[in-house]
């Protein structure tokens, strides 16, 4: 018999994609901080692995990774995704989103992203939200899967995520507020 155990909290990470940061970022960054607390944002970097979002968001698209200071319970993932979806909709203009917010949790074992789209490898959470096991940490590096999105499978992204994972490990070793 397995004994249920509450896992360590995760590092909430949100990937933000946009082609027009000046229009929304000052307001949305304040909303994100108000909801999830202080965060560190990466520099903007190119999002070139797909043109999937170009028609809606415009081009060229750049990305920022946000890592929130406070570690959070993993079972909040669906609620975080539902909230980020509502923010995207509130800021939409003429049926077009200005940005895409993709939340996920980094743990010592993996990166799990939230999505509203079902697929064979995804696990249903609640309220139309699934968990996508995107990357696995194994033998001191990230391992991708056949379904991992190309932008997450690239070494540049894995390098950034490794830094976030190290920050997460350091936070785990310190008492939480």
C-alpha atoms as a PDB file:
ATOM      1  CA  UNK A   1       0.000   0.000   0.000  1.00  0.00           C
ATOM      2  CA  UNK A   2       1.232   3.477  -0.775  1.00  0.00           C
ATOM      3  CA  UNK A   3       0.894   6.135   1.894  1.00  0.00           C
ATOM      4  CA  UNK A   4      -0.344   9.504   0.635  1.00  0.00           C
ATOM      5  CA  UNK A   5       2.086  12.360   1.248  1.00  0.00           C
ATOM      6  CA  UNK A   6       1.749  16.009   0.342  1.00  0.00           C
ATOM      7  CA  UNK A   7       4.610  16.850  -2.051  1.00  0.00           C
ATOM      8  CA  UNK A   8       6.956  19.766  -1.718  1.00  0.00           C
ATOM      9  CA  UNK A   9       5.532  22.963  -3.195  1.00  0.00           C
ATOM     10  CA  UNK A  10       6.650  23.922  -6.684  1.00  0.00           C
ATOM     11  CA  UNK A  11       8.209  26.941  -8.303  1.00  0.00           C
ATOM     12  CA  UNK A  12       5.444  28.704 -10.210  1.00  0.00           C
ATOM     13  CA  UNK A  13       6.742  29.709 -13.608  1.00  0.00           C
ATOM     14  CA  UNK A  14       4.758  31.573 -16.244  1.00  0.00           C
ATOM     15  CA  UNK A  15       5.920  31.872 -19.822  1.00  0.00           C
ATOM     16  CA  UNK A  16       4.690  35.084 -21.443  1.00  0.00           C
ATOM     17  CA  UNK A  17       4.601  35.431 -25.230  1.00  0.00           C
ATOM     18  CA  UNK A  18       3.860  38.680 -27.050  1.00  0.00           C
ATOM     19  CA  UNK A  19       4.783  40.857 -29.982  1.00  0.00           C
ATOM     20  CA  UNK A  20       3.720  44.081 -28.266  1.00  0.00           C
ATOM     21  CA  UNK A  21       5.004  44.248 -24.690  1.00  0.00           C
ATOM     22  CA  UNK A  22       4.531  47.981 -24.305  1.00  0.00           C
ATOM     23  CA  UNK A  23       0.752  47.751 -24.647  1.00  0.00           C
ATOM     24  CA  UNK A  24       0.060  45.399 -21.733  1.00  0.00           C
ATOM     25  CA  UNK A  25       3.170  44.570 -19.692  1.00  0.00           C
ATOM     26  CA  UNK A  26       3.113  47.436 -17.153  1.00  0.00           C
ATOM     27  CA  UNK A  27      -0.472  46.583 -16.127  1.00  0.00           C
ATOM     28  CA  UNK A  28      -0.266  42.796 -16.377  1.00  0.00           C
ATOM     29  CA  UNK A  29       2.967  42.591 -14.408  1.00  0.00           C
ATOM     30  CA  UNK A  30       1.242  44.424 -11.547  1.00  0.00           C
ATOM     31  CA  UNK A  31      -1.727  42.019 -11.728  1.00  0.00           C
ATOM     32  CA  UNK A  32       0.558  38.983 -11.712  1.00  0.00           C
ATOM     33  CA  UNK A  33       2.447  40.305  -8.701  1.00  0.00           C
ATOM     34  CA  UNK A  34      -0.813  41.112  -6.931  1.00  0.00           C
ATOM     35  CA  UNK A  35      -2.086  37.563  -7.450  1.00  0.00           C
ATOM     36  CA  UNK A  36       1.081  35.484  -6.992  1.00  0.00           C
ATOM     37  CA  UNK A  37       3.554  37.788  -5.270  1.00  0.00           C
ATOM     38  CA  UNK A  38       6.969  39.082  -6.330  1.00  0.00           C
ATOM     39  CA  UNK A  39       8.675  37.489  -9.313  1.00  0.00           C
ATOM     40  CA  UNK A  40      11.832  37.648 -11.326  1.00  0.00           C
ATOM     41  CA  UNK A  41      11.461  38.077 -15.077  1.00  0.00           C
ATOM     42  CA  UNK A  42      13.977  36.888 -17.621  1.00  0.00           C
ATOM     43  CA  UNK A  43      15.136  39.081 -20.442  1.00  0.00           C
ATOM     44  CA  UNK A  44      12.985  38.970 -23.569  1.00  0.00           C
ATOM     45  CA  UNK A  45      14.170  36.304 -25.977  1.00  0.00           C
ATOM     46  CA  UNK A  46      13.050  35.279 -29.443  1.00  0.00           C
ATOM     47  CA  UNK A  47      10.227  32.807 -29.947  1.00  0.00           C
ATOM     48  CA  UNK A  48      10.987  31.365 -33.370  1.00  0.00           C
ATOM     49  CA  UNK A  49      10.254  27.633 -33.134  1.00  0.00           C
ATOM     50  CA  UNK A  50       6.734  27.961 -34.538  1.00  0.00           C
ATOM     51  CA  UNK A  51       4.465  30.497 -36.226  1.00  0.00           C
ATOM     52  CA  UNK A  52       1.424  29.088 -34.381  1.00  0.00           C
ATOM     53  CA  UNK A  53       0.723  32.332 -32.487  1.00  0.00           C
ATOM     54  CA  UNK A  54       1.720  34.859 -35.183  1.00  0.00           C
ATOM     55  CA  UNK A  55      -1.771  35.454 -36.604  1.00  0.00           C
ATOM     56  CA  UNK A  56      -3.201  36.198 -33.180  1.00  0.00           C
ATOM     57  CA  UNK A  57      -0.316  37.856 -31.323  1.00  0.00           C
ATOM     58  CA  UNK A  58       1.529  39.434 -34.249  1.00  0.00           C
ATOM     59  CA  UNK A  59       5.219  39.065 -35.035  1.00  0.00           C
ATOM     60  CA  UNK A  60       7.975  38.959 -34.108  1.00  0.00           C
ATOM     61  CA  UNK A  61       7.058  37.277 -30.844  1.00  0.00           C
ATOM     62  CA  UNK A  62       9.344  37.328 -27.852  1.00  0.00           C
ATOM     63  CA  UNK A  63       9.118  35.449 -24.565  1.00  0.00           C
ATOM     64  CA  UNK A  64       9.848  36.138 -20.929  1.00  0.00           C
ATOM     65  CA  UNK A  65       9.944  33.528 -18.184  1.00  0.00           C
ATOM     66  CA  UNK A  66       8.593  34.635 -14.829  1.00  0.00           C
ATOM     67  CA  UNK A  67       9.612  32.789 -11.668  1.00  0.00           C
ATOM     68  CA  UNK A  68       7.644  33.627  -8.542  1.00  0.00           C
ATOM     69  CA  UNK A  69       9.334  34.038  -5.197  1.00  0.00           C
ATOM     70  CA  UNK A  70       6.814  32.099  -3.110  1.00  0.00           C
ATOM     71  CA  UNK A  71       6.665  28.349  -3.637  1.00  0.00           C
ATOM     72  CA  UNK A  72       3.114  27.116  -4.165  1.00  0.00           C
ATOM     73  CA  UNK A  73       1.146  23.880  -3.691  1.00  0.00           C
ATOM     74  CA  UNK A  74       1.163  21.812  -6.871  1.00  0.00           C
ATOM     75  CA  UNK A  75      -2.600  21.298  -6.754  1.00  0.00           C
ATOM     76  CA  UNK A  76      -3.075  25.012  -7.560  1.00  0.00           C
ATOM     77  CA  UNK A  77      -2.038  24.504 -11.202  1.00  0.00           C
ATOM     78  CA  UNK A  78      -5.561  24.358 -12.674  1.00  0.00           C
ATOM     79  CA  UNK A  79      -6.664  27.436 -10.726  1.00  0.00           C
ATOM     80  CA  UNK A  80      -3.580  29.342 -11.885  1.00  0.00           C
ATOM     81  CA  UNK A  81      -4.328  28.440 -15.526  1.00  0.00           C
ATOM     82  CA  UNK A  82      -7.973  29.461 -15.224  1.00  0.00           C
ATOM     83  CA  UNK A  83      -6.905  32.805 -13.751  1.00  0.00           C
ATOM     84  CA  UNK A  84      -4.262  33.444 -16.457  1.00  0.00           C
ATOM     85  CA  UNK A  85      -6.859  32.603 -19.115  1.00  0.00           C
ATOM     86  CA  UNK A  86      -9.181  35.218 -17.620  1.00  0.00           C
ATOM     87  CA  UNK A  87      -6.398  37.836 -17.713  1.00  0.00           C
ATOM     88  CA  UNK A  88      -5.681  37.049 -21.385  1.00  0.00           C
ATOM     89  CA  UNK A  89      -9.394  37.480 -22.184  1.00  0.00           C
ATOM     90  CA  UNK A  90      -9.737  40.737 -20.261  1.00  0.00           C
ATOM     91  CA  UNK A  91      -6.889  42.328 -22.192  1.00  0.00           C
ATOM     92  CA  UNK A  92      -7.949  40.921 -25.577  1.00  0.00           C
ATOM     93  CA  UNK A  93      -8.801  43.415 -28.275  1.00  0.00           C
ATOM     94  CA  UNK A  94     -11.180  42.693 -31.152  1.00  0.00           C
ATOM     95  CA  UNK A  95     -11.075  38.962 -30.404  1.00  0.00           C
ATOM     96  CA  UNK A  96      -7.248  38.857 -30.411  1.00  0.00           C
ATOM     97  CA  UNK A  97      -5.114  38.193 -27.408  1.00  0.00           C
ATOM     98  CA  UNK A  98      -2.228  40.601 -26.874  1.00  0.00           C
ATOM     99  CA  UNK A  99      -0.209  37.967 -25.008  1.00  0.00           C
ATOM    100  CA  UNK A 100      -0.185  34.318 -24.052  1.00  0.00           C
ATOM    101  CA  UNK A 101       0.350  33.225 -20.433  1.00  0.00           C
ATOM    102  CA  UNK A 102       1.455  29.618 -19.918  1.00  0.00           C
ATOM    103  CA  UNK A 103       1.802  28.641 -16.265  1.00  0.00           C
ATOM    104  CA  UNK A 104       3.584  25.598 -14.959  1.00  0.00           C
ATOM    105  CA  UNK A 105       5.447  24.194 -11.993  1.00  0.00           C
ATOM    106  CA  UNK A 106       9.114  23.351 -11.775  1.00  0.00           C
ATOM    107  CA  UNK A 107       9.941  20.677  -9.217  1.00  0.00           C
ATOM    108  CA  UNK A 108      13.079  18.688  -8.603  1.00  0.00           C
ATOM    109  CA  UNK A 109      11.681  16.020 -10.935  1.00  0.00           C
ATOM    110  CA  UNK A 110       9.936  17.843 -13.758  1.00  0.00           C
ATOM    111  CA  UNK A 111       8.367  20.773 -15.545  1.00  0.00           C
ATOM    112  CA  UNK A 112       4.599  20.426 -15.780  1.00  0.00           C
ATOM    113  CA  UNK A 113       2.625  22.989 -17.774  1.00  0.00           C
ATOM    114  CA  UNK A 114      -1.123  23.620 -17.613  1.00  0.00           C
ATOM    115  CA  UNK A 115      -3.248  23.491 -20.746  1.00  0.00           C
ATOM    116  CA  UNK A 116      -6.872  23.590 -21.795  1.00  0.00           C
ATOM    117  CA  UNK A 117      -6.223  21.069 -24.563  1.00  0.00           C
ATOM    118  CA  UNK A 118      -6.501  17.330 -23.990  1.00  0.00           C
ATOM    119  CA  UNK A 119      -4.076  14.840 -25.534  1.00  0.00           C
ATOM    120  CA  UNK A 120      -3.122  11.229 -24.871  1.00  0.00           C
ATOM    121  CA  UNK A 121      -0.273  11.987 -22.436  1.00  0.00           C
ATOM    122  CA  UNK A 122      -2.049  14.703 -20.466  1.00  0.00           C
ATOM    123  CA  UNK A 123      -3.736  14.180 -17.110  1.00  0.00           C
ATOM    124  CA  UNK A 124      -7.037  15.867 -16.370  1.00  0.00           C
ATOM    125  CA  UNK A 125      -6.973  18.151 -13.324  1.00  0.00           C
ATOM    126  CA  UNK A 126     -10.335  19.943 -13.165  1.00  0.00           C
ATOM    127  CA  UNK A 127     -12.566  22.539 -14.825  1.00  0.00           C
ATOM    128  CA  UNK A 128     -11.275  21.791 -18.338  1.00  0.00           C
ATOM    129  CA  UNK A 129      -7.574  22.000 -17.432  1.00  0.00           C
ATOM    130  CA  UNK A 130      -4.984  19.271 -18.031  1.00  0.00           C
ATOM    131  CA  UNK A 131      -1.426  18.821 -16.774  1.00  0.00           C
ATOM    132  CA  UNK A 132       1.247  18.365 -19.457  1.00  0.00           C
ATOM    133  CA  UNK A 133       4.447  16.638 -18.342  1.00  0.00           C
ATOM    134  CA  UNK A 134       6.724  18.708 -20.564  1.00  0.00           C
ATOM    135  CA  UNK A 135      10.229  17.871 -19.331  1.00  0.00           C
ATOM    136  CA  UNK A 136      11.737  15.447 -16.824  1.00  0.00           C
ATOM    137  CA  UNK A 137      14.910  16.040 -14.791  1.00  0.00           C
ATOM    138  CA  UNK A 138      17.185  13.029 -15.023  1.00  0.00           C
ATOM    139  CA  UNK A 139      20.931  12.610 -14.463  1.00  0.00           C
ATOM    140  CA  UNK A 140      21.556  16.341 -14.081  1.00  0.00           C
ATOM    141  CA  UNK A 141      19.759  17.521 -17.212  1.00  0.00           C
ATOM    142  CA  UNK A 142      16.323  18.002 -18.728  1.00  0.00           C
ATOM    143  CA  UNK A 143      14.949  15.174 -20.844  1.00  0.00           C
ATOM    144  CA  UNK A 144      12.220  15.907 -23.363  1.00  0.00           C
ATOM    145  CA  UNK A 145       9.538  13.596 -24.717  1.00  0.00           C
ATOM    146  CA  UNK A 146       8.121  13.018 -28.199  1.00  0.00           C
ATOM    147  CA  UNK A 147       5.306  15.440 -27.289  1.00  0.00           C
ATOM    148  CA  UNK A 148       7.476  18.201 -25.801  1.00  0.00           C
ATOM    149  CA  UNK A 149       6.929  21.467 -27.633  1.00  0.00           C
ATOM    150  CA  UNK A 150      10.007  22.347 -29.740  1.00  0.00           C
ATOM    151  CA  UNK A 151      10.579  25.604 -27.861  1.00  0.00           C
ATOM    152  CA  UNK A 152      10.851  23.703 -24.566  1.00  0.00           C
ATOM    153  CA  UNK A 153      12.999  20.949 -26.095  1.00  0.00           C
ATOM    154  CA  UNK A 154      15.718  23.397 -27.191  1.00  0.00           C
ATOM    155  CA  UNK A 155      18.952  23.786 -25.258  1.00  0.00           C
ATOM    156  CA  UNK A 156      18.518  27.545 -24.758  1.00  0.00           C
ATOM    157  CA  UNK A 157      15.230  26.965 -22.919  1.00  0.00           C
ATOM    158  CA  UNK A 158      16.634  24.018 -20.961  1.00  0.00           C
ATOM    159  CA  UNK A 159      19.539  26.198 -19.817  1.00  0.00           C
ATOM    160  CA  UNK A 160      17.110  28.832 -18.518  1.00  0.00           C
ATOM    161  CA  UNK A 161      14.995  26.174 -16.830  1.00  0.00           C
ATOM    162  CA  UNK A 162      18.068  24.651 -15.192  1.00  0.00           C
ATOM    163  CA  UNK A 163      18.809  28.022 -13.577  1.00  0.00           C
ATOM    164  CA  UNK A 164      15.212  28.227 -12.350  1.00  0.00           C
ATOM    165  CA  UNK A 165      15.421  24.682 -10.999  1.00  0.00           C
ATOM    166  CA  UNK A 166      18.572  25.594  -9.062  1.00  0.00           C
ATOM    167  CA  UNK A 167      16.804  28.639  -7.626  1.00  0.00           C
ATOM    168  CA  UNK A 168      13.913  26.347  -6.666  1.00  0.00           C
ATOM    169  CA  UNK A 169      16.245  23.909  -4.891  1.00  0.00           C
ATOM    170  CA  UNK A 170      17.767  26.806  -2.949  1.00  0.00           C
ATOM    171  CA  UNK A 171      14.283  27.993  -1.902  1.00  0.00           C
ATOM    172  CA  UNK A 172      13.368  24.489  -0.733  1.00  0.00           C
ATOM    173  CA  UNK A 173      16.360  24.457   1.580  1.00  0.00           C
ATOM    174  CA  UNK A 174      15.262  27.714   3.265  1.00  0.00           C
ATOM    175  CA  UNK A 175      12.282  27.964   5.614  1.00  0.00           C
ATOM    176  CA  UNK A 176       9.195  29.351   3.832  1.00  0.00           C
ATOM    177  CA  UNK A 177       7.436  32.428   5.197  1.00  0.00           C
END
